[in-house]
PDB file of N, CA and C in Angstrom:
ATOM      1  N   UNK A   1     -13.202 114.698  77.662  1.00  0.00           N
ATOM      2  CA  UNK A   1     -12.005 113.870  77.633  1.00  0.00           C
ATOM      3  C   UNK A   1     -11.635 113.608  76.167  1.00  0.00           C
ATOM      4  N   UNK A   2     -10.426 113.932  75.821  1.00  0.00           N
ATOM      5  CA  UNK A   2      -9.932 113.771  74.444  1.00  0.00           C
ATOM      6  C   UNK A   2      -9.340 112.371  74.280  1.00  0.00           C
ATOM      7  N   UNK A   3     -10.001 111.519  73.482  1.00  0.00           N
ATOM      8  CA  UNK A   3      -9.491 110.167  73.272  1.00  0.00           C
ATOM      9  C   UNK A   3      -8.641 110.128  72.006  1.00  0.00           C
ATOM     10  N   UNK A   4      -7.660 109.237  72.006  1.00  0.00           N
ATOM     11  CA  UNK A   4      -6.753 109.107  70.861  1.00  0.00           C
ATOM     12  C   UNK A   4      -7.264 108.100  69.843  1.00  0.00           C
ATOM     13  N   UNK A   5      -8.023 107.125  70.312  1.00  0.00           N
ATOM     14  CA  UNK A   5      -8.549 106.091  69.414  1.00  0.00           C
ATOM     15  C   UNK A   5      -9.864 105.580  69.981  1.00  0.00           C
ATOM     16  N   UNK A   6     -10.774 105.208  69.088  1.00  0.00           N
ATOM     17  CA  UNK A   6     -12.061 104.650  69.504  1.00  0.00           C
ATOM     18  C   UNK A   6     -12.327 103.384  68.706  1.00  0.00           C
ATOM     19  N   UNK A   7     -12.791 102.348  69.401  1.00  0.00           N
ATOM     20  CA  UNK A   7     -13.191 101.126  68.704  1.00  0.00           C
ATOM     21  C   UNK A   7     -14.635 100.790  69.063  1.00  0.00           C
ATOM     22  N   UNK A   8     -15.343 100.287  68.080  1.00  0.00           N
ATOM     23  CA  UNK A   8     -16.752  99.929  68.226  1.00  0.00           C
ATOM     24  C   UNK A   8     -16.848  98.407  68.288  1.00  0.00           C
ATOM     25  N   UNK A   9     -17.235  97.894  69.456  1.00  0.00           N
ATOM     26  CA  UNK A   9     -17.368  96.443  69.601  1.00  0.00           C
ATOM     27  C   UNK A   9     -18.825  96.068  69.837  1.00  0.00           C
ATOM     28  N   UNK A  10     -19.745  96.913  69.390  1.00  0.00           N
ATOM     29  CA  UNK A  10     -21.177  96.632  69.555  1.00  0.00           C
ATOM     30  C   UNK A  10     -21.522  95.309  68.875  1.00  0.00           C
ATOM     31  N   UNK A  11     -22.331  94.512  69.567  1.00  0.00           N
ATOM     32  CA  UNK A  11     -22.757  93.229  69.016  1.00  0.00           C
ATOM     33  C   UNK A  11     -21.800  92.084  69.309  1.00  0.00           C
ATOM     34  N   UNK A  12     -20.630  92.400  69.853  1.00  0.00           N
ATOM     35  CA  UNK A  12     -19.654  91.360  70.186  1.00  0.00           C
ATOM     36  C   UNK A  12     -19.746  91.029  71.664  1.00  0.00           C
ATOM     37  N   UNK A  13     -19.617  89.753  71.981  1.00  0.00           N
ATOM     38  CA  UNK A  13     -19.653  89.320  73.378  1.00  0.00           C
ATOM     39  C   UNK A  13     -18.269  88.917  73.840  1.00  0.00           C
ATOM     40  N   UNK A  14     -18.131  88.824  75.152  1.00  0.00           N
ATOM     41  CA  UNK A  14     -16.886  88.422  75.790  1.00  0.00           C
ATOM     42  C   UNK A  14     -16.351  87.148  75.134  1.00  0.00           C
ATOM     43  N   UNK A  15     -15.086  87.075  74.848  1.00  0.00           N
ATOM     44  CA  UNK A  15     -14.004  87.995  75.203  1.00  0.00           C
ATOM     45  C   UNK A  15     -13.623  88.968  74.080  1.00  0.00           C
ATOM     46  N   UNK A  16     -14.405  89.057  73.021  1.00  0.00           N
ATOM     47  CA  UNK A  16     -14.003  89.855  71.864  1.00  0.00           C
ATOM     48  C   UNK A  16     -13.770  91.343  72.150  1.00  0.00           C
ATOM     49  N   UNK A  17     -14.627  92.036  72.921  1.00  0.00           N
ATOM     50  CA  UNK A  17     -14.307  93.443  73.205  1.00  0.00           C
ATOM     51  C   UNK A  17     -12.956  93.624  73.894  1.00  0.00           C
ATOM     52  N   UNK A  18     -12.639  92.737  74.826  1.00  0.00           N
ATOM     53  CA  UNK A  18     -11.349  92.804  75.529  1.00  0.00           C
ATOM     54  C   UNK A  18     -10.203  92.530  74.563  1.00  0.00           C
ATOM     55  N   UNK A  19     -10.351  91.521  73.722  1.00  0.00           N
ATOM     56  CA  UNK A  19      -9.278  91.183  72.778  1.00  0.00           C
ATOM     57  C   UNK A  19      -9.022  92.325  71.800  1.00  0.00           C
ATOM     58  N   UNK A  20     -10.080  92.944  71.314  1.00  0.00           N
ATOM     59  CA  UNK A  20      -9.917  94.071  70.389  1.00  0.00           C
ATOM     60  C   UNK A  20      -9.285  95.267  71.095  1.00  0.00           C
ATOM     61  N   UNK A  21      -9.659  95.491  72.339  1.00  0.00           N
ATOM     62  CA  UNK A  21      -9.058  96.581  73.111  1.00  0.00           C
ATOM     63  C   UNK A  21      -7.569  96.319  73.338  1.00  0.00           C
ATOM     64  N   UNK A  22      -7.241  95.091  73.678  1.00  0.00           N
ATOM     65  CA  UNK A  22      -5.843  94.731  73.918  1.00  0.00           C
ATOM     66  C   UNK A  22      -5.003  94.954  72.670  1.00  0.00           C
ATOM     67  N   UNK A  23      -5.532  94.551  71.520  1.00  0.00           N
ATOM     68  CA  UNK A  23      -4.819  94.730  70.249  1.00  0.00           C
ATOM     69  C   UNK A  23      -4.613  96.214  69.950  1.00  0.00           C
ATOM     70  N   UNK A  24      -5.637  97.013  70.170  1.00  0.00           N
ATOM     71  CA  UNK A  24      -5.518  98.459  69.931  1.00  0.00           C
ATOM     72  C   UNK A  24      -4.515  99.099  70.882  1.00  0.00           C
ATOM     73  N   UNK A  25      -4.577  98.728  72.168  1.00  0.00           N
ATOM     74  CA  UNK A  25      -3.660  99.298  73.151  1.00  0.00           C
ATOM     75  C   UNK A  25      -2.207  98.963  72.820  1.00  0.00           C
ATOM     76  N   UNK A  26      -1.968  97.786  72.267  1.00  0.00           N
ATOM     77  CA  UNK A  26      -0.604  97.399  71.911  1.00  0.00           C
ATOM     78  C   UNK A  26      -0.010  98.298  70.840  1.00  0.00           C
ATOM     79  N   UNK A  27      -0.865  98.924  70.020  1.00  0.00           N
ATOM     80  CA  UNK A  27      -0.404  99.805  68.942  1.00  0.00           C
ATOM     81  C   UNK A  27      -0.378 101.274  69.365  1.00  0.00           C
ATOM     82  N   UNK A  28      -0.645 101.545  70.635  1.00  0.00           N
ATOM     83  CA  UNK A  28      -0.725 102.922  71.119  1.00  0.00           C
ATOM     84  C   UNK A  28       0.469 103.251  72.021  1.00  0.00           C
ATOM     85  N   UNK A  29       0.761 104.546  72.134  1.00  0.00           N
ATOM     86  CA  UNK A  29       1.853 105.001  72.993  1.00  0.00           C
ATOM     87  C   UNK A  29       1.372 105.115  74.439  1.00  0.00           C
ATOM     88  N   UNK A  30       2.304 105.049  75.365  1.00  0.00           N
ATOM     89  CA  UNK A  30       1.992 105.186  76.782  1.00  0.00           C
ATOM     90  C   UNK A  30       1.297 106.523  77.039  1.00  0.00           C
ATOM     91  N   UNK A  31       0.208 106.476  77.815  1.00  0.00           N
ATOM     92  CA  UNK A  31      -0.521 107.687  78.157  1.00  0.00           C
ATOM     93  C   UNK A  31      -1.679 108.010  77.227  1.00  0.00           C
ATOM     94  N   UNK A  32      -1.746 107.346  76.074  1.00  0.00           N
ATOM     95  CA  UNK A  32      -2.847 107.609  75.144  1.00  0.00           C
ATOM     96  C   UNK A  32      -4.135 106.964  75.655  1.00  0.00           C
ATOM     97  N   UNK A  33      -5.279 107.520  75.224  1.00  0.00           N
ATOM     98  CA  UNK A  33      -6.581 107.049  75.675  1.00  0.00           C
ATOM     99  C   UNK A  33      -7.318 106.291  74.585  1.00  0.00           C
ATOM    100  N   UNK A  34      -7.893 105.159  74.964  1.00  0.00           N
ATOM    101  CA  UNK A  34      -8.691 104.325  74.071  1.00  0.00           C
ATOM    102  C   UNK A  34     -10.119 104.285  74.589  1.00  0.00           C
ATOM    103  N   UNK A  35     -11.066 104.576  73.706  1.00  0.00           N
ATOM    104  CA  UNK A  35     -12.485 104.488  74.035  1.00  0.00           C
ATOM    105  C   UNK A  35     -13.050 103.243  73.370  1.00  0.00           C
ATOM    106  N   UNK A  36     -13.713 102.408  74.160  1.00  0.00           N
ATOM    107  CA  UNK A  36     -14.327 101.182  73.654  1.00  0.00           C
ATOM    108  C   UNK A  36     -15.834 101.283  73.877  1.00  0.00           C
ATOM    109  N   UNK A  37     -16.604 101.103  72.800  1.00  0.00           N
ATOM    110  CA  UNK A  37     -18.060 101.117  72.891  1.00  0.00           C
ATOM    111  C   UNK A  37     -18.545  99.684  72.704  1.00  0.00           C
ATOM    112  N   UNK A  38     -19.317  99.195  73.666  1.00  0.00           N
ATOM    113  CA  UNK A  38     -19.764  97.810  73.671  1.00  0.00           C
ATOM    114  C   UNK A  38     -21.253  97.738  74.002  1.00  0.00           C
ATOM    115  N   UNK A  39     -21.879  96.632  73.606  1.00  0.00           N
ATOM    116  CA  UNK A  39     -23.269  96.394  74.002  1.00  0.00           C
ATOM    117  C   UNK A  39     -23.365  95.208  74.965  1.00  0.00           C
ATOM    118  N   UNK A  40     -22.232  94.646  75.327  1.00  0.00           N
ATOM    119  CA  UNK A  40     -22.186  93.495  76.236  1.00  0.00           C
ATOM    120  C   UNK A  40     -22.203  93.988  77.686  1.00  0.00           C
ATOM    121  N   UNK A  41     -23.293  93.703  78.439  1.00  0.00           N
ATOM    122  CA  UNK A  41     -23.354  94.165  79.834  1.00  0.00           C
ATOM    123  C   UNK A  41     -22.211  93.620  80.686  1.00  0.00           C
ATOM    124  N   UNK A  42     -21.698  92.463  80.343  1.00  0.00           N
ATOM    125  CA  UNK A  42     -20.581  91.881  81.072  1.00  0.00           C
ATOM    126  C   UNK A  42     -19.279  92.637  80.876  1.00  0.00           C
ATOM    127  N   UNK A  43     -19.244  93.514  79.884  1.00  0.00           N
ATOM    128  CA  UNK A  43     -18.013  94.248  79.596  1.00  0.00           C
ATOM    129  C   UNK A  43     -17.644  95.200  80.733  1.00  0.00           C
ATOM    130  N   UNK A  44     -18.616  95.642  81.513  1.00  0.00           N
ATOM    131  CA  UNK A  44     -18.319  96.538  82.636  1.00  0.00           C
ATOM    132  C   UNK A  44     -17.376  95.837  83.603  1.00  0.00           C
ATOM    133  N   UNK A  45     -17.744  94.664  84.017  1.00  0.00           N
ATOM    134  CA  UNK A  45     -16.919  93.868  84.933  1.00  0.00           C
ATOM    135  C   UNK A  45     -15.618  93.419  84.246  1.00  0.00           C
ATOM    136  N   UNK A  46     -15.725  93.021  82.970  1.00  0.00           N
ATOM    137  CA  UNK A  46     -14.557  92.535  82.234  1.00  0.00           C
ATOM    138  C   UNK A  46     -13.466  93.597  82.117  1.00  0.00           C
ATOM    139  N   UNK A  47     -13.855  94.843  81.810  1.00  0.00           N
ATOM    140  CA  UNK A  47     -12.843  95.896  81.650  1.00  0.00           C
ATOM    141  C   UNK A  47     -12.233  96.304  82.986  1.00  0.00           C
ATOM    142  N   UNK A  48     -12.985  96.177  84.077  1.00  0.00           N
ATOM    143  CA  UNK A  48     -12.417  96.443  85.401  1.00  0.00           C
ATOM    144  C   UNK A  48     -11.315  95.425  85.702  1.00  0.00           C
ATOM    145  N   UNK A  49     -11.600  94.159  85.427  1.00  0.00           N
ATOM    146  CA  UNK A  49     -10.613  93.098  85.658  1.00  0.00           C
ATOM    147  C   UNK A  49      -9.427  93.244  84.710  1.00  0.00           C
ATOM    148  N   UNK A  50      -9.703  93.569  83.458  1.00  0.00           N
ATOM    149  CA  UNK A  50      -8.645  93.751  82.455  1.00  0.00           C
ATOM    150  C   UNK A  50      -7.671  94.846  82.904  1.00  0.00           C
ATOM    151  N   UNK A  51      -8.200  95.953  83.388  1.00  0.00           N
ATOM    152  CA  UNK A  51      -7.344  97.060  83.828  1.00  0.00           C
ATOM    153  C   UNK A  51      -6.471  96.632  85.008  1.00  0.00           C
ATOM    154  N   UNK A  52      -7.078  95.932  85.973  1.00  0.00           N
ATOM    155  CA  UNK A  52      -6.309  95.453  87.139  1.00  0.00           C
ATOM    156  C   UNK A  52      -5.188  94.515  86.706  1.00  0.00           C
ATOM    157  N   UNK A  53      -5.483  93.621  85.779  1.00  0.00           N
ATOM    158  CA  UNK A  53      -4.514  92.594  85.388  1.00  0.00           C
ATOM    159  C   UNK A  53      -3.401  93.128  84.487  1.00  0.00           C
ATOM    160  N   UNK A  54      -3.684  94.154  83.689  1.00  0.00           N
ATOM    161  CA  UNK A  54      -2.707  94.620  82.706  1.00  0.00           C
ATOM    162  C   UNK A  54      -1.964  95.875  83.119  1.00  0.00           C
ATOM    163  N   UNK A  55      -2.468  96.586  84.131  1.00  0.00           N
ATOM    164  CA  UNK A  55      -1.815  97.825  84.538  1.00  0.00           C
ATOM    165  C   UNK A  55      -2.260  99.037  83.741  1.00  0.00           C
ATOM    166  N   UNK A  56      -3.136  98.842  82.763  1.00  0.00           N
ATOM    167  CA  UNK A  56      -3.723  99.983  82.063  1.00  0.00           C
ATOM    168  C   UNK A  56      -4.769 100.592  82.993  1.00  0.00           C
ATOM    169  N   UNK A  57      -4.923 101.916  82.926  1.00  0.00           N
ATOM    170  CA  UNK A  57      -5.839 102.594  83.854  1.00  0.00           C
ATOM    171  C   UNK A  57      -7.224 102.748  83.235  1.00  0.00           C
ATOM    172  N   UNK A  58      -8.237 102.318  83.973  1.00  0.00           N
ATOM    173  CA  UNK A  58      -9.621 102.495  83.541  1.00  0.00           C
ATOM    174  C   UNK A  58     -10.045 103.889  83.990  1.00  0.00           C
ATOM    175  N   UNK A  59     -10.095 104.812  83.039  1.00  0.00           N
ATOM    176  CA  UNK A  59     -10.355 106.217  83.342  1.00  0.00           C
ATOM    177  C   UNK A  59     -11.834 106.498  83.578  1.00  0.00           C
ATOM    178  N   UNK A  60     -12.682 105.799  82.827  1.00  0.00           N
ATOM    179  CA  UNK A  60     -14.111 106.098  82.889  1.00  0.00           C
ATOM    180  C   UNK A  60     -14.921 104.920  82.379  1.00  0.00           C
ATOM    181  N   UNK A  61     -16.095 104.724  82.969  1.00  0.00           N
ATOM    182  CA  UNK A  61     -17.088 103.773  82.464  1.00  0.00           C
ATOM    183  C   UNK A  61     -18.439 104.452  82.570  1.00  0.00           C
ATOM    184  N   UNK A  62     -19.215 104.347  81.513  1.00  0.00           N
ATOM    185  CA  UNK A  62     -20.565 104.900  81.563  1.00  0.00           C
ATOM    186  C   UNK A  62     -21.496 104.089  80.678  1.00  0.00           C
ATOM    187  N   UNK A  63     -22.779 104.191  80.982  1.00  0.00           N
ATOM    188  CA  UNK A  63     -23.803 103.521  80.193  1.00  0.00           C
ATOM    189  C   UNK A  63     -24.658 104.587  79.531  1.00  0.00           C
ATOM    190  N   UNK A  64     -24.786 104.492  78.211  1.00  0.00           N
ATOM    191  CA  UNK A  64     -25.610 105.419  77.447  1.00  0.00           C
ATOM    192  C   UNK A  64     -26.574 104.577  76.618  1.00  0.00           C
ATOM    193  N   UNK A  65     -27.846 104.609  76.987  1.00  0.00           N
ATOM    194  CA  UNK A  65     -28.863 103.755  76.357  1.00  0.00           C
ATOM    195  C   UNK A  65     -28.430 102.303  76.476  1.00  0.00           C
ATOM    196  N   UNK A  66     -28.165 101.630  75.350  1.00  0.00           N
ATOM    197  CA  UNK A  66     -27.749 100.222  75.392  1.00  0.00           C
ATOM    198  C   UNK A  66     -26.238 100.061  75.221  1.00  0.00           C
ATOM    199  N   UNK A  67     -25.507 101.180  75.187  1.00  0.00           N
ATOM    200  CA  UNK A  67     -24.053 101.138  75.004  1.00  0.00           C
ATOM    201  C   UNK A  67     -23.335 101.256  76.344  1.00  0.00           C
ATOM    202  N   UNK A  68     -22.277 100.483  76.469  1.00  0.00           N
ATOM    203  CA  UNK A  68     -21.388 100.561  77.624  1.00  0.00           C
ATOM    204  C   UNK A  68     -20.068 101.140  77.111  1.00  0.00           C
ATOM    205  N   UNK A  69     -19.672 102.267  77.676  1.00  0.00           N
ATOM    206  CA  UNK A  69     -18.493 102.986  77.191  1.00  0.00           C
ATOM    207  C   UNK A  69     -17.389 102.890  78.226  1.00  0.00           C
ATOM    208  N   UNK A  70     -16.221 102.512  77.750  1.00  0.00           N
ATOM    209  CA  UNK A  70     -15.051 102.335  78.611  1.00  0.00           C
ATOM    210  C   UNK A  70     -13.914 103.174  78.033  1.00  0.00           C
ATOM    211  N   UNK A  71     -13.217 103.899  78.881  1.00  0.00           N
ATOM    212  CA  UNK A  71     -12.048 104.662  78.445  1.00  0.00           C
ATOM    213  C   UNK A  71     -10.848 104.163  79.242  1.00  0.00           C
ATOM    214  N   UNK A  72      -9.853 103.682  78.503  1.00  0.00           N
ATOM    215  CA  UNK A  72      -8.648 103.126  79.098  1.00  0.00           C
ATOM    216  C   UNK A  72      -7.447 103.997  78.754  1.00  0.00           C
ATOM    217  N   UNK A  73      -6.564 104.154  79.711  1.00  0.00           N
ATOM    218  CA  UNK A  73      -5.309 104.882  79.489  1.00  0.00           C
ATOM    219  C   UNK A  73      -4.177 103.862  79.386  1.00  0.00           C
ATOM    220  N   UNK A  74      -3.469 103.929  78.270  1.00  0.00           N
ATOM    221  CA  UNK A  74      -2.361 102.979  78.017  1.00  0.00           C
ATOM    222  C   UNK A  74      -1.257 103.175  79.043  1.00  0.00           C
ATOM    223  N   UNK A  75      -0.815 102.084  79.623  1.00  0.00           N
ATOM    224  CA  UNK A  75       0.260 102.170  80.631  1.00  0.00           C
ATOM    225  C   UNK A  75       1.590 102.493  79.987  1.00  0.00           C
TER     226      UNK A  75
END
């Protein structure tokens, strides 16, 4: 999957990963992909809710070691 932008929110807890993702998505064009790397286990649930509430599409979520990776498609 080819992402257009990636942000590293490792070490940050809720709501900071969501806020940083929201800020990045606001600067992106419709259809572009944002990858967010987080270490907050709560981010899995948070990004699911964020996608439902904002209309951005949650394309993928995966866990790699201690990282939680989320890929969002800008609405």
